[in-house]
Amino acid sequence: QVQLVESGGGLVQAGGSLSLSCAASGRTFNIYIMGWFRQSPGKEREFVAALSRSGDWKSYADSVKGRFTISGDNAKNTLYLHMDKLNPEETAVYYCAAKAGSSVKWDYWGQGTQVTISS
C-alpha cells in the first residue's frame, strides 16, 4: 500500500509561481517513478511531469517545458513540482501519482490539490 497526499495548491495571479508537494507513505520502497497530472473542468486528465526515484530520468509535457520543474527528496519521500509563469488555462486539480518498478501503469494516486490561476 502506498498513500500519496498533495499539498501547496491555491490561488495565484497569471504569470505567477506556485510550488506543490506530494508526500508518499506506506510501501514506498518499490516506487520506480513518480509524476504529476492535472485535470481541468471539461477536459481529460493530462500528464504534466515525471521523475524516476533514482533521479536519472525525467520527463515533461511539451506545454510545461521550461516553466515547470519536477524534483524529489528520497529521504523525505516527497515529490515536488515548481510552476512558473502560470496561465489561467492551467487552472486544474493537480494529482500526484506513483508507479511500481515492475508496473506498466500508474499504481497509486493522490486526492489532488486545486490550483487556480486568475487573470
PDB file of N, CA and C in Angstrom:
ATOM      1  N   GLN A   1       0.835  -1.188   0.000  1.00  0.00           N
ATOM      2  CA  GLN A   1       0.000   0.000   0.000  1.00  0.00           C
ATOM      3  C   GLN A   1       0.873   1.241   0.000  1.00  0.00           C
ATOM      4  N   VAL A   2       0.509   2.196  -0.843  1.00  0.00           N
ATOM      5  CA  VAL A   2       1.172   3.479  -0.906  1.00  0.00           C
ATOM      6  C   VAL A   2       0.107   4.554  -0.825  1.00  0.00           C
ATOM      7  N   GLN A   3       0.360   5.539   0.001  1.00  0.00           N
ATOM      8  CA  GLN A   3      -0.535   6.679   0.114  1.00  0.00           C
ATOM      9  C   GLN A   3       0.188   7.930  -0.356  1.00  0.00           C
ATOM     10  N   LEU A   4      -0.504   8.741  -1.140  1.00  0.00           N
ATOM     11  CA  LEU A   4       0.054   9.973  -1.670  1.00  0.00           C
ATOM     12  C   LEU A   4      -0.846  11.133  -1.263  1.00  0.00           C
ATOM     13  N   VAL A   5      -0.250  12.180  -0.723  1.00  0.00           N
ATOM     14  CA  VAL A   5      -1.003  13.346  -0.278  1.00  0.00           C
ATOM     15  C   VAL A   5      -0.374  14.594  -0.861  1.00  0.00           C
ATOM     16  N   GLU A   6      -1.142  15.307  -1.684  1.00  0.00           N
ATOM     17  CA  GLU A   6      -0.662  16.541  -2.288  1.00  0.00           C
ATOM     18  C   GLU A   6      -0.933  17.728  -1.370  1.00  0.00           C
ATOM     19  N   SER A   7      -0.117  18.747  -1.516  1.00  0.00           N
ATOM     20  CA  SER A   7      -0.323  19.992  -0.796  1.00  0.00           C
ATOM     21  C   SER A   7       0.297  21.130  -1.584  1.00  0.00           C
ATOM     22  N   GLY A   8      -0.077  22.348  -1.236  1.00  0.00           N
ATOM     23  CA  GLY A   8       0.508  23.517  -1.863  1.00  0.00           C
ATOM     24  C   GLY A   8      -0.370  24.222  -2.874  1.00  0.00           C
ATOM     25  N   GLY A   9      -1.522  23.656  -3.184  1.00  0.00           N
ATOM     26  CA  GLY A   9      -2.414  24.302  -4.125  1.00  0.00           C
ATOM     27  C   GLY A   9      -2.988  25.585  -3.558  1.00  0.00           C
ATOM     28  N   GLY A  10      -3.504  26.408  -4.449  1.00  0.00           N
ATOM     29  CA  GLY A  10      -4.082  27.664  -4.021  1.00  0.00           C
ATOM     30  C   GLY A  10      -4.349  28.577  -5.189  1.00  0.00           C
ATOM     31  N   LEU A  11      -4.477  29.854  -4.892  1.00  0.00           N
ATOM     32  CA  LEU A  11      -4.782  30.875  -5.881  1.00  0.00           C
ATOM     33  C   LEU A  11      -3.533  31.692  -6.188  1.00  0.00           C
ATOM     34  N   VAL A  12      -3.287  31.909  -7.474  1.00  0.00           N
ATOM     35  CA  VAL A  12      -2.138  32.700  -7.888  1.00  0.00           C
ATOM     36  C   VAL A  12      -2.523  33.523  -9.113  1.00  0.00           C
ATOM     37  N   GLN A  13      -1.936  34.700  -9.243  1.00  0.00           N
ATOM     38  CA  GLN A  13      -2.188  35.552 -10.398  1.00  0.00           C
ATOM     39  C   GLN A  13      -1.503  35.000 -11.635  1.00  0.00           C
ATOM     40  N   ALA A  14      -2.086  35.280 -12.793  1.00  0.00           N
ATOM     41  CA  ALA A  14      -1.465  34.876 -14.051  1.00  0.00           C
ATOM     42  C   ALA A  14      -0.038  35.404 -14.122  1.00  0.00           C
ATOM     43  N   GLY A  15       0.867  34.548 -14.564  1.00  0.00           N
ATOM     44  CA  GLY A  15       2.268  34.909 -14.627  1.00  0.00           C
ATOM     45  C   GLY A  15       3.032  34.616 -13.352  1.00  0.00           C
ATOM     46  N   GLY A  16       2.329  34.224 -12.324  1.00  0.00           N
ATOM     47  CA  GLY A  16       2.950  33.942 -11.048  1.00  0.00           C
ATOM     48  C   GLY A  16       3.463  32.522 -10.934  1.00  0.00           C
ATOM     49  N   SER A  17       3.943  32.189  -9.747  1.00  0.00           N
ATOM     50  CA  SER A  17       4.547  30.889  -9.488  1.00  0.00           C
ATOM     51  C   SER A  17       3.882  30.208  -8.306  1.00  0.00           C
ATOM     52  N   LEU A  18       3.994  28.896  -8.292  1.00  0.00           N
ATOM     53  CA  LEU A  18       3.446  28.098  -7.203  1.00  0.00           C
ATOM     54  C   LEU A  18       4.208  26.787  -7.127  1.00  0.00           C
ATOM     55  N   SER A  19       4.391  26.276  -5.923  1.00  0.00           N
ATOM     56  CA  SER A  19       5.062  25.004  -5.722  1.00  0.00           C
ATOM     57  C   SER A  19       4.138  24.014  -5.038  1.00  0.00           C
ATOM     58  N   LEU A  20       4.119  22.794  -5.545  1.00  0.00           N
ATOM     59  CA  LEU A  20       3.311  21.727  -4.990  1.00  0.00           C
ATOM     60  C   LEU A  20       4.203  20.661  -4.376  1.00  0.00           C
ATOM     61  N   SER A  21       3.678  19.960  -3.385  1.00  0.00           N
ATOM     62  CA  SER A  21       4.385  18.861  -2.754  1.00  0.00           C
ATOM     63  C   SER A  21       3.503  17.628  -2.729  1.00  0.00           C
ATOM     64  N   CYS A  22       4.135  16.467  -2.749  1.00  0.00           N
ATOM     65  CA  CYS A  22       3.440  15.193  -2.647  1.00  0.00           C
ATOM     66  C   CYS A  22       4.199  14.314  -1.673  1.00  0.00           C
ATOM     67  N   ALA A  23       3.579  14.010  -0.549  1.00  0.00           N
ATOM     68  CA  ALA A  23       4.190  13.164   0.466  1.00  0.00           C
ATOM     69  C   ALA A  23       3.736  11.727   0.282  1.00  0.00           C
ATOM     70  N   ALA A  24       4.685  10.810   0.156  1.00  0.00           N
ATOM     71  CA  ALA A  24       4.390   9.397  -0.014  1.00  0.00           C
ATOM     72  C   ALA A  24       4.643   8.649   1.282  1.00  0.00           C
ATOM     73  N   SER A  25       3.766   7.727   1.602  1.00  0.00           N
ATOM     74  CA  SER A  25       3.932   6.901   2.793  1.00  0.00           C
ATOM     75  C   SER A  25       3.486   5.476   2.490  1.00  0.00           C
ATOM     76  N   GLY A  26       3.785   4.557   3.398  1.00  0.00           N
ATOM     77  CA  GLY A  26       3.465   3.162   3.189  1.00  0.00           C
ATOM     78  C   GLY A  26       4.635   2.424   2.560  1.00  0.00           C
ATOM     79  N   ARG A  27       4.339   1.551   1.598  1.00  0.00           N
ATOM     80  CA  ARG A  27       5.365   0.742   0.946  1.00  0.00           C
ATOM     81  C   ARG A  27       6.048   1.507  -0.175  1.00  0.00           C
ATOM     82  N   THR A  28       6.771   2.527   0.206  1.00  0.00           N
ATOM     83  CA  THR A  28       7.402   3.398  -0.779  1.00  0.00           C
ATOM     84  C   THR A  28       8.680   2.822  -1.374  1.00  0.00           C
ATOM     85  N   PHE A  29       9.184   1.721  -0.821  1.00  0.00           N
ATOM     86  CA  PHE A  29      10.467   1.175  -1.256  1.00  0.00           C
ATOM     87  C   PHE A  29      10.457   0.711  -2.702  1.00  0.00           C
ATOM     88  N   ASN A  30       9.288   0.302  -3.218  1.00  0.00           N
ATOM     89  CA  ASN A  30       9.228  -0.229  -4.574  1.00  0.00           C
ATOM     90  C   ASN A  30       8.761   0.786  -5.614  1.00  0.00           C
ATOM     91  N   ILE A  31       8.655   2.043  -5.229  1.00  0.00           N
ATOM     92  CA  ILE A  31       8.283   3.076  -6.197  1.00  0.00           C
ATOM     93  C   ILE A  31       9.431   3.310  -7.168  1.00  0.00           C
ATOM     94  N   TYR A  32       9.118   3.289  -8.454  1.00  0.00           N
ATOM     95  CA  TYR A  32      10.110   3.482  -9.502  1.00  0.00           C
ATOM     96  C   TYR A  32      10.041   4.883 -10.094  1.00  0.00           C
ATOM     97  N   ILE A  33       8.815   5.323 -10.386  1.00  0.00           N
ATOM     98  CA  ILE A  33       8.601   6.637 -10.982  1.00  0.00           C
ATOM     99  C   ILE A  33       7.478   7.353 -10.247  1.00  0.00           C
ATOM    100  N   MET A  34       7.649   8.641 -10.070  1.00  0.00           N
ATOM    101  CA  MET A  34       6.576   9.469  -9.548  1.00  0.00           C
ATOM    102  C   MET A  34       6.314  10.601 -10.529  1.00  0.00           C
ATOM    103  N   GLY A  35       5.078  11.063 -10.542  1.00  0.00           N
ATOM    104  CA  GLY A  35       4.748  12.091 -11.503  1.00  0.00           C
ATOM    105  C   GLY A  35       3.575  12.949 -11.090  1.00  0.00           C
ATOM    106  N   TRP A  36       3.318  13.952 -11.925  1.00  0.00           N
ATOM    107  CA  TRP A  36       2.218  14.872 -11.725  1.00  0.00           C
ATOM    108  C   TRP A  36       1.302  14.865 -12.944  1.00  0.00           C
ATOM    109  N   PHE A  37       0.011  14.893 -12.684  1.00  0.00           N
ATOM    110  CA  PHE A  37      -1.021  15.019 -13.703  1.00  0.00           C
ATOM    111  C   PHE A  37      -1.942  16.158 -13.306  1.00  0.00           C
ATOM    112  N   ARG A  38      -2.744  16.625 -14.247  1.00  0.00           N
ATOM    113  CA  ARG A  38      -3.721  17.649 -13.920  1.00  0.00           C
ATOM    114  C   ARG A  38      -4.987  17.436 -14.731  1.00  0.00           C
ATOM    115  N   GLN A  39      -6.092  17.927 -14.204  1.00  0.00           N
ATOM    116  CA  GLN A  39      -7.364  17.807 -14.884  1.00  0.00           C
ATOM    117  C   GLN A  39      -8.151  19.101 -14.719  1.00  0.00           C
ATOM    118  N   SER A  40      -8.454  19.737 -15.837  1.00  0.00           N
ATOM    119  CA  SER A  40      -9.242  20.955 -15.859  1.00  0.00           C
ATOM    120  C   SER A  40     -10.704  20.607 -16.113  1.00  0.00           C
ATOM    121  N   PRO A  41     -11.633  21.480 -15.722  1.00  0.00           N
ATOM    122  CA  PRO A  41     -13.048  21.216 -15.982  1.00  0.00           C
ATOM    123  C   PRO A  41     -13.323  20.969 -17.455  1.00  0.00           C
ATOM    124  N   GLY A  42     -14.029  19.889 -17.746  1.00  0.00           N
ATOM    125  CA  GLY A  42     -14.380  19.563 -19.114  1.00  0.00           C
ATOM    126  C   GLY A  42     -13.280  18.911 -19.929  1.00  0.00           C
ATOM    127  N   LYS A  43     -12.136  18.652 -19.323  1.00  0.00           N
ATOM    128  CA  LYS A  43     -11.023  18.040 -20.033  1.00  0.00           C
ATOM    129  C   LYS A  43     -10.604  16.742 -19.360  1.00  0.00           C
ATOM    130  N   GLU A  44      -9.922  15.895 -20.127  1.00  0.00           N
ATOM    131  CA  GLU A  44      -9.385  14.657 -19.583  1.00  0.00           C
ATOM    132  C   GLU A  44      -8.124  14.945 -18.782  1.00  0.00           C
ATOM    133  N   ARG A  45      -7.806  14.040 -17.884  1.00  0.00           N
ATOM    134  CA  ARG A  45      -6.583  14.166 -17.119  1.00  0.00           C
ATOM    135  C   ARG A  45      -5.378  14.090 -18.055  1.00  0.00           C
ATOM    136  N   GLU A  46      -4.413  14.978 -17.862  1.00  0.00           N
ATOM    137  CA  GLU A  46      -3.250  15.007 -18.723  1.00  0.00           C
ATOM    138  C   GLU A  46      -1.955  14.919 -17.925  1.00  0.00           C
ATOM    139  N   PHE A  47      -0.963  14.356 -18.566  1.00  0.00           N
ATOM    140  CA  PHE A  47       0.354  14.222 -17.974  1.00  0.00           C
ATOM    141  C   PHE A  47       1.042  15.570 -17.902  1.00  0.00           C
ATOM    142  N   VAL A  48       1.752  15.809 -16.806  1.00  0.00           N
ATOM    143  CA  VAL A  48       2.486  17.057 -16.624  1.00  0.00           C
ATOM    144  C   VAL A  48       3.987  16.804 -16.577  1.00  0.00           C
ATOM    145  N   ALA A  49       4.421  15.946 -15.658  1.00  0.00           N
ATOM    146  CA  ALA A  49       5.844  15.684 -15.499  1.00  0.00           C
ATOM    147  C   ALA A  49       6.046  14.404 -14.706  1.00  0.00           C
ATOM    148  N   ALA A  50       7.214  13.793 -14.858  1.00  0.00           N
ATOM    149  CA  ALA A  50       7.543  12.582 -14.112  1.00  0.00           C
ATOM    150  C   ALA A  50       9.032  12.543 -13.815  1.00  0.00           C
ATOM    151  N   LEU A  51       9.383  11.796 -12.783  1.00  0.00           N
ATOM    152  CA  LEU A  51      10.763  11.681 -12.333  1.00  0.00           C
ATOM    153  C   LEU A  51      11.000  10.291 -11.784  1.00  0.00           C
ATOM    154  N   SER A  52      12.114   9.657 -12.185  1.00  0.00           N
ATOM    155  CA  SER A  52      12.471   8.372 -11.611  1.00  0.00           C
ATOM    156  C   SER A  52      12.996   8.575 -10.201  1.00  0.00           C
ATOM    157  N   ARG A  53      12.825   7.550  -9.367  1.00  0.00           N
ATOM    158  CA  ARG A  53      13.269   7.663  -7.990  1.00  0.00           C
ATOM    159  C   ARG A  53      14.773   7.847  -7.908  1.00  0.00           C
ATOM    160  N   SER A  54      15.496   7.228  -8.839  1.00  0.00           N
ATOM    161  CA  SER A  54      16.943   7.363  -8.868  1.00  0.00           C
ATOM    162  C   SER A  54      17.391   8.758  -9.285  1.00  0.00           C
ATOM    163  N   GLY A  55      16.506   9.495  -9.911  1.00  0.00           N
ATOM    164  CA  GLY A  55      16.822  10.834 -10.355  1.00  0.00           C
ATOM    165  C   GLY A  55      17.524  10.912 -11.694  1.00  0.00           C
ATOM    166  N   ASP A  56      17.734   9.776 -12.356  1.00  0.00           N
ATOM    167  CA  ASP A  56      18.460   9.771 -13.619  1.00  0.00           C
ATOM    168  C   ASP A  56      17.553   9.887 -14.842  1.00  0.00           C
ATOM    169  N   TRP A  57      16.271  10.064 -14.640  1.00  0.00           N
ATOM    170  CA  TRP A  57      15.322  10.211 -15.739  1.00  0.00           C
ATOM    171  C   TRP A  57      14.207  11.147 -15.336  1.00  0.00           C
ATOM    172  N   LYS A  58      13.806  12.004 -16.247  1.00  0.00           N
ATOM    173  CA  LYS A  58      12.667  12.882 -16.035  1.00  0.00           C
ATOM    174  C   LYS A  58      12.006  13.190 -17.364  1.00  0.00           C
ATOM    175  N   SER A  59      10.756  13.603 -17.287  1.00  0.00           N
ATOM    176  CA  SER A  59      10.005  13.891 -18.491  1.00  0.00           C
ATOM    177  C   SER A  59       9.004  15.004 -18.207  1.00  0.00           C
ATOM    178  N   TYR A  60       8.772  15.850 -19.214  1.00  0.00           N
ATOM    179  CA  TYR A  60       7.814  16.933 -19.099  1.00  0.00           C
ATOM    180  C   TYR A  60       6.889  16.952 -20.304  1.00  0.00           C
ATOM    181  N   ALA A  61       5.647  17.342 -20.074  1.00  0.00           N
ATOM    182  CA  ALA A  61       4.765  17.625 -21.193  1.00  0.00           C
ATOM    183  C   ALA A  61       5.302  18.832 -21.947  1.00  0.00           C
ATOM    184  N   ASP A  62       5.118  18.842 -23.267  1.00  0.00           N
ATOM    185  CA  ASP A  62       5.630  19.950 -24.067  1.00  0.00           C
ATOM    186  C   ASP A  62       5.102  21.303 -23.591  1.00  0.00           C
ATOM    187  N   SER A  63       3.883  21.324 -23.121  1.00  0.00           N
ATOM    188  CA  SER A  63       3.253  22.576 -22.732  1.00  0.00           C
ATOM    189  C   SER A  63       3.876  23.219 -21.498  1.00  0.00           C
ATOM    190  N   VAL A  64       4.631  22.445 -20.715  1.00  0.00           N
ATOM    191  CA  VAL A  64       5.197  22.990 -19.483  1.00  0.00           C
ATOM    192  C   VAL A  64       6.712  23.051 -19.495  1.00  0.00           C
ATOM    193  N   LYS A  65       7.340  22.562 -20.544  1.00  0.00           N
ATOM    194  CA  LYS A  65       8.798  22.582 -20.622  1.00  0.00           C
ATOM    195  C   LYS A  65       9.328  24.007 -20.518  1.00  0.00           C
ATOM    196  N   GLY A  66      10.334  24.174 -19.693  1.00  0.00           N
ATOM    197  CA  GLY A  66      10.921  25.480 -19.499  1.00  0.00           C
ATOM    198  C   GLY A  66      10.256  26.301 -18.425  1.00  0.00           C
ATOM    199  N   ARG A  67       9.088  25.879 -17.964  1.00  0.00           N
ATOM    200  CA  ARG A  67       8.359  26.619 -16.943  1.00  0.00           C
ATOM    201  C   ARG A  67       8.185  25.837 -15.642  1.00  0.00           C
ATOM    202  N   PHE A  68       8.046  24.520 -15.751  1.00  0.00           N
ATOM    203  CA  PHE A  68       7.841  23.677 -14.579  1.00  0.00           C
ATOM    204  C   PHE A  68       9.107  22.887 -14.279  1.00  0.00           C
ATOM    205  N   THR A  69       9.329  22.599 -13.009  1.00  0.00           N
ATOM    206  CA  THR A  69      10.464  21.793 -12.586  1.00  0.00           C
ATOM    207  C   THR A  69       9.994  20.728 -11.608  1.00  0.00           C
ATOM    208  N   ILE A  70      10.281  19.470 -11.925  1.00  0.00           N
ATOM    209  CA  ILE A  70       9.947  18.374 -11.031  1.00  0.00           C
ATOM    210  C   ILE A  70      11.204  17.952 -10.283  1.00  0.00           C
ATOM    211  N   SER A  71      11.066  17.654  -9.006  1.00  0.00           N
ATOM    212  CA  SER A  71      12.188  17.219  -8.193  1.00  0.00           C
ATOM    213  C   SER A  71      11.679  16.335  -7.069  1.00  0.00           C
ATOM    214  N   GLY A  72      12.599  15.662  -6.404  1.00  0.00           N
ATOM    215  CA  GLY A  72      12.208  14.784  -5.314  1.00  0.00           C
ATOM    216  C   GLY A  72      13.255  14.730  -4.230  1.00  0.00           C
ATOM    217  N   ASP A  73      12.823  14.343  -3.059  1.00  0.00           N
ATOM    218  CA  ASP A  73      13.691  14.154  -1.907  1.00  0.00           C
ATOM    219  C   ASP A  73      13.405  12.763  -1.369  1.00  0.00           C
ATOM    220  N   ASN A  74      14.269  11.811  -1.697  1.00  0.00           N
ATOM    221  CA  ASN A  74      14.037  10.426  -1.293  1.00  0.00           C
ATOM    222  C   ASN A  74      14.052  10.249   0.225  1.00  0.00           C
ATOM    223  N   ALA A  75      14.898  11.000   0.904  1.00  0.00           N
ATOM    224  CA  ALA A  75      14.971  10.890   2.355  1.00  0.00           C
ATOM    225  C   ALA A  75      13.650  11.272   3.009  1.00  0.00           C
ATOM    226  N   LYS A  76      12.926  12.186   2.388  1.00  0.00           N
ATOM    227  CA  LYS A  76      11.640  12.637   2.918  1.00  0.00           C
ATOM    228  C   LYS A  76      10.452  11.993   2.217  1.00  0.00           C
ATOM    229  N   ASN A  77      10.718  11.127   1.223  1.00  0.00           N
ATOM    230  CA  ASN A  77       9.652  10.509   0.432  1.00  0.00           C
ATOM    231  C   ASN A  77       8.681  11.558  -0.101  1.00  0.00           C
ATOM    232  N   THR A  78       9.241  12.612  -0.650  1.00  0.00           N
ATOM    233  CA  THR A  78       8.430  13.731  -1.104  1.00  0.00           C
ATOM    234  C   THR A  78       8.790  14.122  -2.530  1.00  0.00           C
ATOM    235  N   LEU A  79       7.776  14.370  -3.327  1.00  0.00           N
ATOM    236  CA  LEU A  79       7.912  14.835  -4.697  1.00  0.00           C
ATOM    237  C   LEU A  79       7.454  16.284  -4.768  1.00  0.00           C
ATOM    238  N   TYR A  80       8.112  17.065  -5.610  1.00  0.00           N
ATOM    239  CA  TYR A  80       7.786  18.474  -5.741  1.00  0.00           C
ATOM    240  C   TYR A  80       7.526  18.850  -7.196  1.00  0.00           C
ATOM    241  N   LEU A  81       6.743  19.889  -7.368  1.00  0.00           N
ATOM    242  CA  LEU A  81       6.546  20.479  -8.681  1.00  0.00           C
ATOM    243  C   LEU A  81       6.547  21.991  -8.517  1.00  0.00           C
ATOM    244  N   HIS A  82       7.538  22.635  -9.093  1.00  0.00           N
ATOM    245  CA  HIS A  82       7.589  24.090  -9.078  1.00  0.00           C
ATOM    246  C   HIS A  82       7.102  24.605 -10.418  1.00  0.00           C
ATOM    247  N   MET A  83       6.139  25.508 -10.385  1.00  0.00           N
ATOM    248  CA  MET A  83       5.493  26.004 -11.583  1.00  0.00           C
ATOM    249  C   MET A  83       5.708  27.508 -11.707  1.00  0.00           C
ATOM    250  N   ASP A  84       6.222  27.923 -12.853  1.00  0.00           N
ATOM    251  CA  ASP A  84       6.461  29.334 -13.142  1.00  0.00           C
ATOM    252  C   ASP A  84       5.601  29.799 -14.309  1.00  0.00           C
ATOM    253  N   LYS A  85       5.382  31.097 -14.380  1.00  0.00           N
ATOM    254  CA  LYS A  85       4.666  31.727 -15.495  1.00  0.00           C
ATOM    255  C   LYS A  85       3.344  31.023 -15.787  1.00  0.00           C
ATOM    256  N   LEU A  86       2.553  30.879 -14.772  1.00  0.00           N
ATOM    257  CA  LEU A  86       1.301  30.155 -14.891  1.00  0.00           C
ATOM    258  C   LEU A  86       0.264  30.926 -15.702  1.00  0.00           C
ATOM    259  N   ASN A  87      -0.510  30.183 -16.479  1.00  0.00           N
ATOM    260  CA  ASN A  87      -1.583  30.728 -17.305  1.00  0.00           C
ATOM    261  C   ASN A  87      -2.937  30.352 -16.723  1.00  0.00           C
ATOM    262  N   PRO A  88      -3.950  31.191 -16.908  1.00  0.00           N
ATOM    263  CA  PRO A  88      -5.292  30.844 -16.414  1.00  0.00           C
ATOM    264  C   PRO A  88      -5.793  29.510 -16.950  1.00  0.00           C
ATOM    265  N   GLU A  89      -5.393  29.145 -18.161  1.00  0.00           N
ATOM    266  CA  GLU A  89      -5.809  27.884 -18.760  1.00  0.00           C
ATOM    267  C   GLU A  89      -5.279  26.673 -17.997  1.00  0.00           C
ATOM    268  N   GLU A  90      -4.297  26.892 -17.146  1.00  0.00           N
ATOM    269  CA  GLU A  90      -3.723  25.798 -16.375  1.00  0.00           C
ATOM    270  C   GLU A  90      -4.398  25.603 -15.029  1.00  0.00           C
ATOM    271  N   THR A  91      -5.470  26.329 -14.795  1.00  0.00           N
ATOM    272  CA  THR A  91      -6.292  26.074 -13.618  1.00  0.00           C
ATOM    273  C   THR A  91      -6.800  24.636 -13.679  1.00  0.00           C
ATOM    274  N   ALA A  92      -6.547  23.873 -12.638  1.00  0.00           N
ATOM    275  CA  ALA A  92      -6.887  22.457 -12.645  1.00  0.00           C
ATOM    276  C   ALA A  92      -6.675  21.864 -11.266  1.00  0.00           C
ATOM    277  N   VAL A  93      -7.170  20.649 -11.098  1.00  0.00           N
ATOM    278  CA  VAL A  93      -6.788  19.845  -9.952  1.00  0.00           C
ATOM    279  C   VAL A  93      -5.520  19.107 -10.340  1.00  0.00           C
ATOM    280  N   TYR A  94      -4.491  19.264  -9.544  1.00  0.00           N
ATOM    281  CA  TYR A  94      -3.218  18.626  -9.817  1.00  0.00           C
ATOM    282  C   TYR A  94      -3.069  17.384  -8.946  1.00  0.00           C
ATOM    283  N   TYR A  95      -2.723  16.266  -9.588  1.00  0.00           N
ATOM    284  CA  TYR A  95      -2.624  14.980  -8.914  1.00  0.00           C
ATOM    285  C   TYR A  95      -1.200  14.459  -8.905  1.00  0.00           C
ATOM    286  N   CYS A  96      -0.829  13.858  -7.815  1.00  0.00           N
ATOM    287  CA  CYS A  96       0.427  13.136  -7.695  1.00  0.00           C
ATOM    288  C   CYS A  96       0.164  11.657  -7.963  1.00  0.00           C
ATOM    289  N   ALA A  97       1.091  10.991  -8.643  1.00  0.00           N
ATOM    290  CA  ALA A  97       0.947   9.576  -8.946  1.00  0.00           C
ATOM    291  C   ALA A  97       2.287   8.865  -8.798  1.00  0.00           C
ATOM    292  N   ALA A  98       2.225   7.545  -8.601  1.00  0.00           N
ATOM    293  CA  ALA A  98       3.435   6.748  -8.450  1.00  0.00           C
ATOM    294  C   ALA A  98       3.279   5.418  -9.168  1.00  0.00           C
ATOM    295  N   LYS A  99       4.401   4.912  -9.662  1.00  0.00           N
ATOM    296  CA  LYS A  99       4.427   3.660 -10.397  1.00  0.00           C
ATOM    297  C   LYS A  99       5.452   2.730  -9.770  1.00  0.00           C
ATOM    298  N   ALA A 100       5.076   1.479  -9.538  1.00  0.00           N
ATOM    299  CA  ALA A 100       5.995   0.476  -9.010  1.00  0.00           C
ATOM    300  C   ALA A 100       6.985   0.068 -10.085  1.00  0.00           C
ATOM    301  N   GLY A 101       8.100  -0.509  -9.662  1.00  0.00           N
ATOM    302  CA  GLY A 101       9.170  -0.837 -10.590  1.00  0.00           C
ATOM    303  C   GLY A 101       8.788  -1.798 -11.701  1.00  0.00           C
ATOM    304  N   SER A 102       7.907  -2.741 -11.428  1.00  0.00           N
ATOM    305  CA  SER A 102       7.515  -3.740 -12.414  1.00  0.00           C
ATOM    306  C   SER A 102       6.198  -3.427 -13.101  1.00  0.00           C
ATOM    307  N   SER A 103       5.617  -2.279 -12.844  1.00  0.00           N
ATOM    308  CA  SER A 103       4.296  -1.944 -13.345  1.00  0.00           C
ATOM    309  C   SER A 103       4.358  -1.196 -14.672  1.00  0.00           C
ATOM    310  N   VAL A 104       3.371  -1.451 -15.529  1.00  0.00           N
ATOM    311  CA  VAL A 104       3.236  -0.733 -16.789  1.00  0.00           C
ATOM    312  C   VAL A 104       2.207   0.381 -16.688  1.00  0.00           C
ATOM    313  N   LYS A 105       1.639   0.563 -15.527  1.00  0.00           N
ATOM    314  CA  LYS A 105       0.629   1.577 -15.304  1.00  0.00           C
ATOM    315  C   LYS A 105       0.945   2.374 -14.048  1.00  0.00           C
ATOM    316  N   TRP A 106       0.233   3.459 -13.864  1.00  0.00           N
ATOM    317  CA  TRP A 106       0.349   4.238 -12.636  1.00  0.00           C
ATOM    318  C   TRP A 106      -0.486   3.551 -11.556  1.00  0.00           C
ATOM    319  N   ASP A 107       0.171   3.124 -10.501  1.00  0.00           N
ATOM    320  CA  ASP A 107      -0.455   2.289  -9.488  1.00  0.00           C
ATOM    321  C   ASP A 107      -1.159   3.067  -8.386  1.00  0.00           C
ATOM    322  N   TYR A 108      -0.631   4.220  -8.059  1.00  0.00           N
ATOM    323  CA  TYR A 108      -1.135   4.962  -6.912  1.00  0.00           C
ATOM    324  C   TYR A 108      -1.401   6.414  -7.275  1.00  0.00           C
ATOM    325  N   TRP A 109      -2.452   6.951  -6.670  1.00  0.00           N
ATOM    326  CA  TRP A 109      -2.863   8.330  -6.936  1.00  0.00           C
ATOM    327  C   TRP A 109      -3.228   9.048  -5.650  1.00  0.00           C
ATOM    328  N   GLY A 110      -2.917  10.323  -5.596  1.00  0.00           N
ATOM    329  CA  GLY A 110      -3.367  11.151  -4.504  1.00  0.00           C
ATOM    330  C   GLY A 110      -4.756  11.691  -4.777  1.00  0.00           C
ATOM    331  N   GLN A 111      -5.291  12.447  -3.834  1.00  0.00           N
ATOM    332  CA  GLN A 111      -6.629  13.008  -3.959  1.00  0.00           C
ATOM    333  C   GLN A 111      -6.659  14.279  -4.799  1.00  0.00           C
ATOM    334  N   GLY A 112      -5.522  14.889  -4.998  1.00  0.00           N
ATOM    335  CA  GLY A 112      -5.445  16.088  -5.803  1.00  0.00           C
ATOM    336  C   GLY A 112      -5.455  17.359  -4.975  1.00  0.00           C
ATOM    337  N   THR A 113      -4.904  18.409  -5.552  1.00  0.00           N
ATOM    338  CA  THR A 113      -4.920  19.722  -4.922  1.00  0.00           C
ATOM    339  C   THR A 113      -5.301  20.760  -5.971  1.00  0.00           C
ATOM    340  N   GLN A 114      -6.200  21.661  -5.609  1.00  0.00           N
ATOM    341  CA  GLN A 114      -6.718  22.642  -6.551  1.00  0.00           C
ATOM    342  C   GLN A 114      -5.724  23.777  -6.757  1.00  0.00           C
ATOM    343  N   VAL A 115      -5.449  24.073  -8.018  1.00  0.00           N
ATOM    344  CA  VAL A 115      -4.621  25.213  -8.393  1.00  0.00           C
ATOM    345  C   VAL A 115      -5.468  26.122  -9.267  1.00  0.00           C
ATOM    346  N   THR A 116      -5.626  27.364  -8.847  1.00  0.00           N
ATOM    347  CA  THR A 116      -6.426  28.324  -9.591  1.00  0.00           C
ATOM    348  C   THR A 116      -5.568  29.522  -9.965  1.00  0.00           C
ATOM    349  N   ILE A 117      -5.524  29.820 -11.257  1.00  0.00           N
ATOM    350  CA  ILE A 117      -4.758  30.959 -11.756  1.00  0.00           C
ATOM    351  C   ILE A 117      -5.752  32.003 -12.241  1.00  0.00           C
ATOM    352  N   SER A 118      -5.698  33.171 -11.666  1.00  0.00           N
ATOM    353  CA  SER A 118      -6.621  34.241 -12.011  1.00  0.00           C
ATOM    354  C   SER A 118      -5.963  35.238 -12.948  1.00  0.00           C
ATOM    355  N   SER A 119      -6.784  35.893 -13.753  1.00  0.00           N
ATOM    356  CA  SER A 119      -6.301  36.905 -14.680  1.00  0.00           C
ATOM    357  C   SER A 119      -6.771  38.296 -14.293  1.00  0.00           C
TER     358      SER A 119
END
